Amino acid sequence: MDNPNYKSGFVALIGRPNVGKSTFLNYVVGQKVAIMSNVAQTTRNKIQGIYTTDDAQIVFIDTPGVHKPQTKLGDFMEKSTLSALDEVDAVLYLVSATEDRGPGDDFIINRLKNVKQPIFLVINKIDQVNPNNLPEITAQYKDALPFAGIYPISALQGNNVNPLINKLIEILPNGPQYYPSDQISDHPERFVIAEMIREKVFELTRQEVPHSVAIDVTSVKREDDEHVHISANIIVERPGQKGIIIGKKGQMLKKIGTKARQDIEHLLGDKVFLQLWVKVVPDWRDKSAMLKDYGYRNKDY
């Protein structure tokens, strides 16, 4: 990197579940790195999306939505979120224009009081509210913290996202380019593949299944220059959930597989053969060993 004025740094995204952090990340990075679903709690690890230009690189850390933990998995997510705030150059606190400030926001604001780095208030989903209501929405938060800036945006449509990115670049320190220009996420392919499968399970089985699903990608084998063979287990906690995911005559599992395969092919740029199985592992969310097996390791927080 010959440019002495190159800017680079890490920016954390934090907010209640469903405020649109993943949508924001996907818009900025321009490809699907974080899974999107309107089931709360879909982001479980600190997914990093990487935005690179000739003059700057921003590494985004998408923290799991903050909530009060009820299981070991919840605990892990909580720690994962809070540790992200100690290692970044700026924090984007995302709130939704469509929801009033609530106890979850107070919890986050409290935690952010200890953060020394600049914090930006990002009011997302402005495309869903009357512009005249914006001052009132902003007023709920603006005195809560000494914000470095307040940006009303629509992550879905991209409104006002560029000025926010420019501002971040302006305040980032001079530094190296941490990742190659064409890399958009620091997660190994296996992790992103698992996320894509999990997204489809969420999308297609809205009942009670989503929270108790983990994906264990057991193998990714390249057969030749153009074909990749992937096997994965969909892990659920109860036999009833297994039935829902398999569906009548295996139809649901087939649908999940087809949709996930299309996304994975787009990611890898190859033809993909995807084999899915459904396994019942009772109470996996409360077993530390299982959490490690399915990719939630202590080194992640």
C-alpha atoms as a PDB file:
ATOM      1  CA  MET A   1       0.000   0.000   0.000  1.00  0.00           C
ATOM      2  CA  ASP A   2       1.839   3.122  -1.217  1.00  0.00           C
ATOM      3  CA  ASN A   3      -0.759   5.672  -0.181  1.00  0.00           C
ATOM      4  CA  PRO A   4       0.474   7.339   3.052  1.00  0.00           C
ATOM      5  CA  ASN A   5      -2.995   8.876   3.563  1.00  0.00           C
ATOM      6  CA  TYR A   6      -4.822   5.534   3.403  1.00  0.00           C
ATOM      7  CA  LYS A   7      -7.513   5.306   6.112  1.00  0.00           C
ATOM      8  CA  SER A   8      -8.551   2.068   7.747  1.00  0.00           C
ATOM      9  CA  GLY A   9     -10.279   0.887  10.870  1.00  0.00           C
ATOM     10  CA  PHE A  10     -12.985  -1.111  12.573  1.00  0.00           C
ATOM     11  CA  VAL A  11     -16.575   0.004  13.098  1.00  0.00           C
ATOM     12  CA  ALA A  12     -19.078  -1.867  15.296  1.00  0.00           C
ATOM     13  CA  LEU A  13     -22.790  -2.005  14.539  1.00  0.00           C
ATOM     14  CA  ILE A  14     -25.006  -2.307  17.594  1.00  0.00           C
ATOM     15  CA  GLY A  15     -28.756  -2.123  18.120  1.00  0.00           C
ATOM     16  CA  ARG A  16     -31.805  -4.028  19.228  1.00  0.00           C
ATOM     17  CA  PRO A  17     -32.799  -7.076  17.187  1.00  0.00           C
ATOM     18  CA  ASN A  18     -34.438  -6.255  13.854  1.00  0.00           C
ATOM     19  CA  VAL A  19     -33.295  -2.655  13.452  1.00  0.00           C
ATOM     20  CA  GLY A  20     -31.640  -3.547  10.135  1.00  0.00           C
ATOM     21  CA  LYS A  21     -27.957  -4.020  10.979  1.00  0.00           C
ATOM     22  CA  SER A  22     -27.539  -6.885   8.517  1.00  0.00           C
ATOM     23  CA  THR A  23     -29.421  -5.004   5.790  1.00  0.00           C
ATOM     24  CA  PHE A  24     -27.087  -2.046   6.332  1.00  0.00           C
ATOM     25  CA  LEU A  25     -24.012  -4.276   6.141  1.00  0.00           C
ATOM     26  CA  ASN A  26     -25.232  -5.954   2.981  1.00  0.00           C
ATOM     27  CA  TYR A  27     -25.987  -2.597   1.342  1.00  0.00           C
ATOM     28  CA  VAL A  28     -22.575  -1.134   2.162  1.00  0.00           C
ATOM     29  CA  VAL A  29     -20.569  -4.186   1.217  1.00  0.00           C
ATOM     30  CA  GLY A  30     -22.691  -4.783  -1.879  1.00  0.00           C
ATOM     31  CA  GLN A  31     -22.990  -8.519  -1.447  1.00  0.00           C
ATOM     32  CA  LYS A  32     -24.802 -10.802   0.904  1.00  0.00           C
ATOM     33  CA  VAL A  33     -22.533 -11.288   3.930  1.00  0.00           C
ATOM     34  CA  ALA A  34     -24.951 -11.086   6.832  1.00  0.00           C
ATOM     35  CA  ILE A  35     -28.129 -13.093   6.778  1.00  0.00           C
ATOM     36  CA  MET A  36     -31.310 -11.095   6.587  1.00  0.00           C
ATOM     37  CA  SER A  37     -34.526 -12.230   8.155  1.00  0.00           C
ATOM     38  CA  ASN A  38     -37.169 -10.522  10.183  1.00  0.00           C
ATOM     39  CA  VAL A  39     -36.976 -13.202  12.855  1.00  0.00           C
ATOM     40  CA  ALA A  40     -35.128 -11.569  15.740  1.00  0.00           C
ATOM     41  CA  GLN A  41     -31.740 -12.983  16.747  1.00  0.00           C
ATOM     42  CA  THR A  42     -30.493 -14.191  13.405  1.00  0.00           C
ATOM     43  CA  THR A  43     -26.942 -12.875  13.666  1.00  0.00           C
ATOM     44  CA  ARG A  44     -25.029 -15.053  16.088  1.00  0.00           C
ATOM     45  CA  ASN A  45     -21.368 -14.291  15.504  1.00  0.00           C
ATOM     46  CA  LYS A  46     -19.515 -11.091  14.865  1.00  0.00           C
ATOM     47  CA  ILE A  47     -19.816 -11.132  11.099  1.00  0.00           C
ATOM     48  CA  GLN A  48     -17.403  -8.717   9.544  1.00  0.00           C
ATOM     49  CA  GLY A  49     -18.232  -7.032   6.297  1.00  0.00           C
ATOM     50  CA  ILE A  50     -15.362  -5.268   4.583  1.00  0.00           C
ATOM     51  CA  TYR A  51     -15.788  -2.076   2.566  1.00  0.00           C
ATOM     52  CA  THR A  52     -12.735  -1.187   0.457  1.00  0.00           C
ATOM     53  CA  THR A  53     -11.965   1.727  -1.846  1.00  0.00           C
ATOM     54  CA  ASP A  54      -8.695   3.110  -3.248  1.00  0.00           C
ATOM     55  CA  ASP A  55      -8.387   5.410  -0.254  1.00  0.00           C
ATOM     56  CA  ALA A  56      -9.895   3.525   2.660  1.00  0.00           C
ATOM     57  CA  GLN A  57     -10.984   0.261   4.197  1.00  0.00           C
ATOM     58  CA  ILE A  58     -13.703  -0.068   6.824  1.00  0.00           C
ATOM     59  CA  VAL A  59     -14.097  -3.406   8.573  1.00  0.00           C
ATOM     60  CA  PHE A  60     -17.624  -3.632   9.994  1.00  0.00           C
ATOM     61  CA  ILE A  61     -18.312  -5.819  12.976  1.00  0.00           C
ATOM     62  CA  ASP A  62     -21.965  -6.745  13.120  1.00  0.00           C
ATOM     63  CA  THR A  63     -22.837  -7.538  16.709  1.00  0.00           C
ATOM     64  CA  PRO A  64     -25.738  -9.823  17.619  1.00  0.00           C
ATOM     65  CA  GLY A  65     -28.863  -7.929  18.679  1.00  0.00           C
ATOM     66  CA  VAL A  66     -28.746  -7.058  22.341  1.00  0.00           C
ATOM     67  CA  HIS A  67     -31.288  -8.707  24.587  1.00  0.00           C
ATOM     68  CA  LYS A  68     -31.350 -10.319  28.002  1.00  0.00           C
ATOM     69  CA  PRO A  69     -29.781 -13.786  27.674  1.00  0.00           C
ATOM     70  CA  GLN A  70     -31.859 -16.838  28.576  1.00  0.00           C
ATOM     71  CA  THR A  71     -29.613 -19.696  27.479  1.00  0.00           C
ATOM     72  CA  LYS A  72     -25.888 -20.344  27.144  1.00  0.00           C
ATOM     73  CA  LEU A  73     -26.228 -19.394  23.484  1.00  0.00           C
ATOM     74  CA  GLY A  74     -27.842 -16.131  24.599  1.00  0.00           C
ATOM     75  CA  ASP A  75     -24.952 -15.599  27.002  1.00  0.00           C
ATOM     76  CA  PHE A  76     -22.453 -16.144  24.237  1.00  0.00           C
ATOM     77  CA  MET A  77     -24.239 -13.642  22.010  1.00  0.00           C
ATOM     78  CA  GLU A  78     -24.320 -11.054  24.759  1.00  0.00           C
ATOM     79  CA  LYS A  79     -20.580 -11.337  25.486  1.00  0.00           C
ATOM     80  CA  SER A  80     -19.837 -11.332  21.800  1.00  0.00           C
ATOM     81  CA  THR A  81     -21.698  -8.046  21.363  1.00  0.00           C
ATOM     82  CA  LEU A  82     -20.106  -6.259  24.271  1.00  0.00           C
ATOM     83  CA  SER A  83     -16.547  -7.327  23.511  1.00  0.00           C
ATOM     84  CA  ALA A  84     -16.852  -5.888  19.994  1.00  0.00           C
ATOM     85  CA  LEU A  85     -17.233  -2.413  21.453  1.00  0.00           C
ATOM     86  CA  ASP A  86     -13.805  -2.464  23.072  1.00  0.00           C
ATOM     87  CA  GLU A  87     -11.826  -3.012  19.912  1.00  0.00           C
ATOM     88  CA  VAL A  88     -13.159  -0.561  17.347  1.00  0.00           C
ATOM     89  CA  ASP A  89     -12.534   2.959  16.049  1.00  0.00           C
ATOM     90  CA  ALA A  90     -16.198   3.993  15.956  1.00  0.00           C
ATOM     91  CA  VAL A  91     -19.621   2.632  16.834  1.00  0.00           C
ATOM     92  CA  LEU A  92     -22.825   2.887  14.833  1.00  0.00           C
ATOM     93  CA  TYR A  93     -25.826   2.637  17.129  1.00  0.00           C
ATOM     94  CA  LEU A  94     -28.756   1.650  14.920  1.00  0.00           C
ATOM     95  CA  VAL A  95     -32.358   2.259  15.910  1.00  0.00           C
ATOM     96  CA  SER A  96     -35.534   1.802  13.906  1.00  0.00           C
ATOM     97  CA  ALA A  97     -37.620   4.820  12.947  1.00  0.00           C
ATOM     98  CA  THR A  98     -40.671   2.557  13.175  1.00  0.00           C
ATOM     99  CA  GLU A  99     -40.253   1.666  16.865  1.00  0.00           C
ATOM    100  CA  ASP A 100     -40.208   3.813  19.992  1.00  0.00           C
ATOM    101  CA  ARG A 101     -37.211   3.780  22.292  1.00  0.00           C
ATOM    102  CA  GLY A 102     -37.624   0.858  24.708  1.00  0.00           C
ATOM    103  CA  PRO A 103     -35.870  -0.946  27.594  1.00  0.00           C
ATOM    104  CA  GLY A 104     -33.554  -2.705  25.107  1.00  0.00           C
ATOM    105  CA  ASP A 105     -32.331   0.690  23.924  1.00  0.00           C
ATOM    106  CA  ASP A 106     -31.796   1.889  27.488  1.00  0.00           C
ATOM    107  CA  PHE A 107     -29.683  -1.221  28.120  1.00  0.00           C
ATOM    108  CA  ILE A 108     -27.509  -0.460  25.059  1.00  0.00           C
ATOM    109  CA  ILE A 109     -27.244   3.251  25.837  1.00  0.00           C
ATOM    110  CA  ASN A 110     -26.046   2.372  29.315  1.00  0.00           C
ATOM    111  CA  ARG A 111     -23.342   0.127  27.963  1.00  0.00           C
ATOM    112  CA  LEU A 112     -22.306   2.746  25.387  1.00  0.00           C
ATOM    113  CA  LYS A 113     -21.685   5.277  28.162  1.00  0.00           C
ATOM    114  CA  ASN A 114     -18.329   3.543  28.783  1.00  0.00           C
ATOM    115  CA  VAL A 115     -17.237   3.676  25.147  1.00  0.00           C
ATOM    116  CA  LYS A 116     -14.538   6.258  24.412  1.00  0.00           C
ATOM    117  CA  GLN A 117     -14.732   6.072  20.615  1.00  0.00           C
ATOM    118  CA  PRO A 118     -17.094   8.248  18.533  1.00  0.00           C
ATOM    119  CA  ILE A 119     -20.664   6.918  18.512  1.00  0.00           C
ATOM    120  CA  PHE A 120     -23.030   7.745  15.648  1.00  0.00           C
ATOM    121  CA  LEU A 121     -26.787   7.476  16.002  1.00  0.00           C
ATOM    122  CA  VAL A 122     -28.183   5.881  12.837  1.00  0.00           C
ATOM    123  CA  ILE A 123     -31.966   6.024  12.496  1.00  0.00           C
ATOM    124  CA  ASN A 124     -32.851   3.320   9.990  1.00  0.00           C
ATOM    125  CA  LYS A 125     -36.071   2.557   8.053  1.00  0.00           C
ATOM    126  CA  ILE A 126     -36.903   6.217   7.342  1.00  0.00           C
ATOM    127  CA  ASP A 127     -38.549   4.951   4.135  1.00  0.00           C
ATOM    128  CA  GLN A 128     -41.321   3.548   6.367  1.00  0.00           C
ATOM    129  CA  VAL A 129     -42.254   6.732   8.256  1.00  0.00           C
ATOM    130  CA  ASN A 130     -43.557  10.207   7.460  1.00  0.00           C
ATOM    131  CA  PRO A 131     -40.567  12.612   7.178  1.00  0.00           C
ATOM    132  CA  ASN A 132     -42.440  15.077   9.428  1.00  0.00           C
ATOM    133  CA  ASN A 133     -42.107  12.602  12.302  1.00  0.00           C
ATOM    134  CA  LEU A 134     -38.322  12.451  12.133  1.00  0.00           C
ATOM    135  CA  PRO A 135     -37.592  15.280  14.616  1.00  0.00           C
ATOM    136  CA  GLU A 136     -39.827  13.567  17.152  1.00  0.00           C
ATOM    137  CA  ILE A 137     -38.151  10.173  16.584  1.00  0.00           C
ATOM    138  CA  THR A 138     -34.682  11.722  16.882  1.00  0.00           C
ATOM    139  CA  ALA A 139     -35.632  13.585  20.064  1.00  0.00           C
ATOM    140  CA  GLN A 140     -36.090  10.246  21.900  1.00  0.00           C
ATOM    141  CA  TYR A 141     -32.356   9.551  21.592  1.00  0.00           C
ATOM    142  CA  LYS A 142     -30.409  12.684  20.878  1.00  0.00           C
ATOM    143  CA  ASP A 143     -29.604  13.641  24.461  1.00  0.00           C
ATOM    144  CA  ALA A 144     -28.943  10.069  25.628  1.00  0.00           C
ATOM    145  CA  LEU A 145     -25.281  10.125  24.588  1.00  0.00           C
ATOM    146  CA  PRO A 146     -22.829  12.680  23.179  1.00  0.00           C
ATOM    147  CA  PHE A 147     -23.268  11.435  19.605  1.00  0.00           C
ATOM    148  CA  ALA A 148     -20.584  12.328  17.057  1.00  0.00           C
ATOM    149  CA  GLY A 149     -23.357  12.608  14.472  1.00  0.00           C
ATOM    150  CA  ILE A 150     -26.966  11.639  13.765  1.00  0.00           C
ATOM    151  CA  TYR A 151     -27.844  10.034  10.425  1.00  0.00           C
ATOM    152  CA  PRO A 152     -31.405   9.135   9.363  1.00  0.00           C
ATOM    153  CA  ILE A 153     -31.050   6.441   6.674  1.00  0.00           C
ATOM    154  CA  SER A 154     -32.817   3.700   4.751  1.00  0.00           C
ATOM    155  CA  ALA A 155     -30.445   0.718   4.593  1.00  0.00           C
ATOM    156  CA  LEU A 156     -32.844  -1.023   2.239  1.00  0.00           C
ATOM    157  CA  GLN A 157     -32.869   1.780  -0.334  1.00  0.00           C
ATOM    158  CA  GLY A 158     -29.492   3.285   0.466  1.00  0.00           C
ATOM    159  CA  ASN A 159     -30.807   6.788   1.331  1.00  0.00           C
ATOM    160  CA  ASN A 160     -28.195   8.852   3.148  1.00  0.00           C
ATOM    161  CA  VAL A 161     -25.837   5.880   3.597  1.00  0.00           C
ATOM    162  CA  ASN A 162     -23.003   7.432   1.549  1.00  0.00           C
ATOM    163  CA  PRO A 163     -22.668  10.591   3.670  1.00  0.00           C
ATOM    164  CA  LEU A 164     -22.395   8.327   6.725  1.00  0.00           C
ATOM    165  CA  ILE A 165     -19.663   6.218   5.088  1.00  0.00           C
ATOM    166  CA  ASN A 166     -17.766   9.371   4.068  1.00  0.00           C
ATOM    167  CA  LYS A 167     -17.940  10.655   7.624  1.00  0.00           C
ATOM    168  CA  LEU A 168     -16.584   7.364   8.973  1.00  0.00           C
ATOM    169  CA  ILE A 169     -13.675   7.450   6.526  1.00  0.00           C
ATOM    170  CA  GLU A 170     -12.944  11.016   7.585  1.00  0.00           C
ATOM    171  CA  ILE A 171     -12.570  10.059  11.268  1.00  0.00           C
ATOM    172  CA  LEU A 172     -10.699   6.772  10.796  1.00  0.00           C
ATOM    173  CA  PRO A 173      -6.979   6.712  11.516  1.00  0.00           C
ATOM    174  CA  ASN A 174      -4.387   6.349   8.763  1.00  0.00           C
ATOM    175  CA  GLY A 175      -3.541   2.692   8.533  1.00  0.00           C
ATOM    176  CA  PRO A 176      -2.904  -0.358   6.402  1.00  0.00           C
ATOM    177  CA  GLN A 177      -5.320  -2.196   4.175  1.00  0.00           C
ATOM    178  CA  TYR A 178      -6.072  -5.202   6.392  1.00  0.00           C
ATOM    179  CA  TYR A 179      -7.774  -7.356   3.780  1.00  0.00           C
ATOM    180  CA  PRO A 180      -7.409  -7.837   0.013  1.00  0.00           C
ATOM    181  CA  SER A 181      -9.633  -5.514  -2.058  1.00  0.00           C
ATOM    182  CA  ASP A 182     -11.873  -8.313  -3.275  1.00  0.00           C
ATOM    183  CA  GLN A 183     -12.505  -9.838   0.132  1.00  0.00           C
ATOM    184  CA  ILE A 184     -15.860  -8.924   1.652  1.00  0.00           C
ATOM    185  CA  SER A 185     -15.875 -10.970   4.851  1.00  0.00           C
ATOM    186  CA  ASP A 186     -13.273 -12.366   7.237  1.00  0.00           C
ATOM    187  CA  HIS A 187     -15.273 -15.531   7.842  1.00  0.00           C
ATOM    188  CA  PRO A 188     -14.237 -18.743   6.205  1.00  0.00           C
ATOM    189  CA  GLU A 189     -16.540 -19.887   3.407  1.00  0.00           C
ATOM    190  CA  ARG A 190     -17.909 -22.670   5.587  1.00  0.00           C
ATOM    191  CA  PHE A 191     -19.314 -20.172   8.062  1.00  0.00           C
ATOM    192  CA  VAL A 192     -20.978 -18.083   5.356  1.00  0.00           C
ATOM    193  CA  ILE A 193     -22.409 -21.234   3.740  1.00  0.00           C
ATOM    194  CA  ALA A 194     -23.903 -22.257   7.108  1.00  0.00           C
ATOM    195  CA  GLU A 195     -25.412 -18.775   7.487  1.00  0.00           C
ATOM    196  CA  MET A 196     -27.011 -18.964   4.056  1.00  0.00           C
ATOM    197  CA  ILE A 197     -28.623 -22.317   4.842  1.00  0.00           C
ATOM    198  CA  ARG A 198     -29.818 -20.991   8.193  1.00  0.00           C
ATOM    199  CA  GLU A 199     -31.339 -17.948   6.522  1.00  0.00           C
ATOM    200  CA  LYS A 200     -33.462 -20.194   4.299  1.00  0.00           C
ATOM    201  CA  VAL A 201     -34.640 -22.255   7.284  1.00  0.00           C
ATOM    202  CA  PHE A 202     -35.759 -18.993   8.920  1.00  0.00           C
ATOM    203  CA  GLU A 203     -37.423 -17.753   5.792  1.00  0.00           C
ATOM    204  CA  LEU A 204     -39.396 -20.896   5.084  1.00  0.00           C
ATOM    205  CA  THR A 205     -40.289 -22.270   8.534  1.00  0.00           C
ATOM    206  CA  ARG A 206     -41.592 -19.353  10.515  1.00  0.00           C
ATOM    207  CA  GLN A 207     -43.190 -21.449  13.251  1.00  0.00           C
ATOM    208  CA  GLU A 208     -41.346 -22.258  16.348  1.00  0.00           C
ATOM    209  CA  VAL A 209     -38.296 -23.707  14.697  1.00  0.00           C
ATOM    210  CA  PRO A 210     -35.885 -20.827  13.987  1.00  0.00           C
ATOM    211  CA  HIS A 211     -34.227 -20.191  17.319  1.00  0.00           C
ATOM    212  CA  SER A 212     -33.366 -23.767  17.898  1.00  0.00           C
ATOM    213  CA  VAL A 213     -31.587 -24.274  14.596  1.00  0.00           C
ATOM    214  CA  ALA A 214     -27.846 -24.601  14.081  1.00  0.00           C
ATOM    215  CA  ILE A 215     -26.124 -25.585  10.864  1.00  0.00           C
ATOM    216  CA  ASP A 216     -23.136 -27.890  10.900  1.00  0.00           C
ATOM    217  CA  VAL A 217     -21.368 -27.875   7.527  1.00  0.00           C
ATOM    218  CA  THR A 218     -19.669 -31.259   7.543  1.00  0.00           C
ATOM    219  CA  SER A 219     -17.813 -31.075   4.248  1.00  0.00           C
ATOM    220  CA  VAL A 220     -17.014 -28.738   1.371  1.00  0.00           C
ATOM    221  CA  LYS A 221     -15.265 -30.641  -1.400  1.00  0.00           C
ATOM    222  CA  ARG A 222     -14.264 -29.300  -4.769  1.00  0.00           C
ATOM    223  CA  GLU A 223     -14.874 -31.965  -7.397  1.00  0.00           C
ATOM    224  CA  ASP A 224     -13.277 -30.047 -10.297  1.00  0.00           C
ATOM    225  CA  ASP A 225     -12.816 -26.453 -11.437  1.00  0.00           C
ATOM    226  CA  GLU A 226     -16.530 -25.774 -11.557  1.00  0.00           C
ATOM    227  CA  HIS A 227     -18.282 -28.119  -9.116  1.00  0.00           C
ATOM    228  CA  VAL A 228     -18.409 -28.044  -5.326  1.00  0.00           C
ATOM    229  CA  HIS A 229     -20.029 -30.733  -3.192  1.00  0.00           C
ATOM    230  CA  ILE A 230     -21.352 -29.530   0.190  1.00  0.00           C
ATOM    231  CA  SER A 231     -22.880 -31.599   3.003  1.00  0.00           C
ATOM    232  CA  ALA A 232     -24.520 -30.061   6.051  1.00  0.00           C
ATOM    233  CA  ASN A 233     -26.654 -31.050   9.025  1.00  0.00           C
ATOM    234  CA  ILE A 234     -29.552 -28.887  10.159  1.00  0.00           C
ATOM    235  CA  ILE A 235     -29.581 -29.317  13.940  1.00  0.00           C
ATOM    236  CA  VAL A 236     -32.847 -28.937  15.863  1.00  0.00           C
ATOM    237  CA  GLU A 237     -33.817 -29.605  19.477  1.00  0.00           C
ATOM    238  CA  ARG A 238     -37.010 -31.631  19.072  1.00  0.00           C
ATOM    239  CA  PRO A 239     -38.391 -34.352  16.775  1.00  0.00           C
ATOM    240  CA  GLY A 240     -41.419 -32.144  15.981  1.00  0.00           C
ATOM    241  CA  GLN A 241     -39.089 -29.482  14.587  1.00  0.00           C
ATOM    242  CA  LYS A 242     -37.359 -32.094  12.452  1.00  0.00           C
ATOM    243  CA  GLY A 243     -40.757 -32.951  10.962  1.00  0.00           C
ATOM    244  CA  ILE A 244     -41.468 -29.313  10.120  1.00  0.00           C
ATOM    245  CA  ILE A 245     -38.092 -28.848   8.400  1.00  0.00           C
ATOM    246  CA  ILE A 246     -38.370 -32.043   6.368  1.00  0.00           C
ATOM    247  CA  GLY A 247     -41.998 -31.293   5.474  1.00  0.00           C
ATOM    248  CA  LYS A 248     -44.512 -33.446   3.682  1.00  0.00           C
ATOM    249  CA  LYS A 249     -42.678 -35.989   1.497  1.00  0.00           C
ATOM    250  CA  GLY A 250     -39.454 -34.033   2.069  1.00  0.00           C
ATOM    251  CA  GLN A 251     -40.797 -30.979   0.203  1.00  0.00           C
ATOM    252  CA  MET A 252     -39.697 -28.368   2.759  1.00  0.00           C
ATOM    253  CA  LEU A 253     -36.131 -29.674   3.007  1.00  0.00           C
ATOM    254  CA  LYS A 254     -35.950 -29.696  -0.771  1.00  0.00           C
ATOM    255  CA  LYS A 255     -37.118 -26.073  -0.920  1.00  0.00           C
ATOM    256  CA  ILE A 256     -34.577 -24.995   1.735  1.00  0.00           C
ATOM    257  CA  GLY A 257     -31.845 -26.792  -0.206  1.00  0.00           C
ATOM    258  CA  THR A 258     -32.754 -25.245  -3.556  1.00  0.00           C
ATOM    259  CA  LYS A 259     -32.883 -21.680  -2.221  1.00  0.00           C
ATOM    260  CA  ALA A 260     -29.673 -22.042  -0.193  1.00  0.00           C
ATOM    261  CA  ARG A 261     -27.873 -23.618  -3.155  1.00  0.00           C
ATOM    262  CA  GLN A 262     -28.683 -20.610  -5.373  1.00  0.00           C
ATOM    263  CA  ASP A 263     -27.170 -18.204  -2.819  1.00  0.00           C
ATOM    264  CA  ILE A 264     -24.104 -20.394  -2.286  1.00  0.00           C
ATOM    265  CA  GLU A 265     -23.524 -20.685  -6.044  1.00  0.00           C
ATOM    266  CA  HIS A 266     -23.635 -16.901  -6.247  1.00  0.00           C
ATOM    267  CA  LEU A 267     -21.100 -16.661  -3.408  1.00  0.00           C
ATOM    268  CA  LEU A 268     -18.668 -19.264  -4.767  1.00  0.00           C
ATOM    269  CA  GLY A 269     -19.215 -18.644  -8.470  1.00  0.00           C
ATOM    270  CA  ASP A 270     -19.450 -22.431  -8.976  1.00  0.00           C
ATOM    271  CA  LYS A 271     -22.058 -25.120  -9.528  1.00  0.00           C
ATOM    272  CA  VAL A 272     -22.981 -26.513  -6.129  1.00  0.00           C
ATOM    273  CA  PHE A 273     -24.349 -29.895  -5.142  1.00  0.00           C
ATOM    274  CA  LEU A 274     -25.858 -29.452  -1.667  1.00  0.00           C
ATOM    275  CA  GLN A 275     -26.884 -32.353   0.568  1.00  0.00           C
ATOM    276  CA  LEU A 276     -28.842 -31.575   3.716  1.00  0.00           C
ATOM    277  CA  TRP A 277     -29.770 -33.809   6.634  1.00  0.00           C
ATOM    278  CA  VAL A 278     -31.806 -32.932   9.727  1.00  0.00           C
ATOM    279  CA  LYS A 279     -30.546 -34.085  13.133  1.00  0.00           C
ATOM    280  CA  VAL A 280     -32.234 -33.826  16.525  1.00  0.00           C
ATOM    281  CA  VAL A 281     -29.838 -32.842  19.337  1.00  0.00           C
ATOM    282  CA  PRO A 282     -31.923 -32.138  22.483  1.00  0.00           C
ATOM    283  CA  ASP A 283     -31.045 -28.858  24.256  1.00  0.00           C
ATOM    284  CA  TRP A 284     -27.989 -28.155  22.119  1.00  0.00           C
ATOM    285  CA  ARG A 285     -28.202 -24.451  23.011  1.00  0.00           C
ATOM    286  CA  ASP A 286     -27.407 -25.213  26.635  1.00  0.00           C
ATOM    287  CA  LYS A 287     -24.466 -27.536  26.066  1.00  0.00           C
ATOM    288  CA  SER A 288     -21.093 -25.833  25.882  1.00  0.00           C
ATOM    289  CA  ALA A 289     -19.461 -28.653  23.917  1.00  0.00           C
ATOM    290  CA  MET A 290     -22.215 -28.491  21.310  1.00  0.00           C
ATOM    291  CA  LEU A 291     -21.933 -24.733  20.991  1.00  0.00           C
ATOM    292  CA  LYS A 292     -18.249 -25.221  20.154  1.00  0.00           C
ATOM    293  CA  ASP A 293     -19.066 -27.892  17.588  1.00  0.00           C
ATOM    294  CA  TYR A 294     -21.470 -25.577  15.813  1.00  0.00           C
ATOM    295  CA  GLY A 295     -19.048 -22.696  15.582  1.00  0.00           C
ATOM    296  CA  TYR A 296     -19.712 -20.628  18.711  1.00  0.00           C
ATOM    297  CA  ARG A 297     -16.263 -20.649  20.271  1.00  0.00           C
ATOM    298  CA  ASN A 298     -14.908 -18.680  23.198  1.00  0.00           C
ATOM    299  CA  LYS A 299     -12.298 -17.022  21.015  1.00  0.00           C
ATOM    300  CA  ASP A 300     -15.204 -15.225  19.339  1.00  0.00           C
ATOM    301  CA  TYR A 301     -15.781 -13.081  22.427  1.00  0.00           C
END
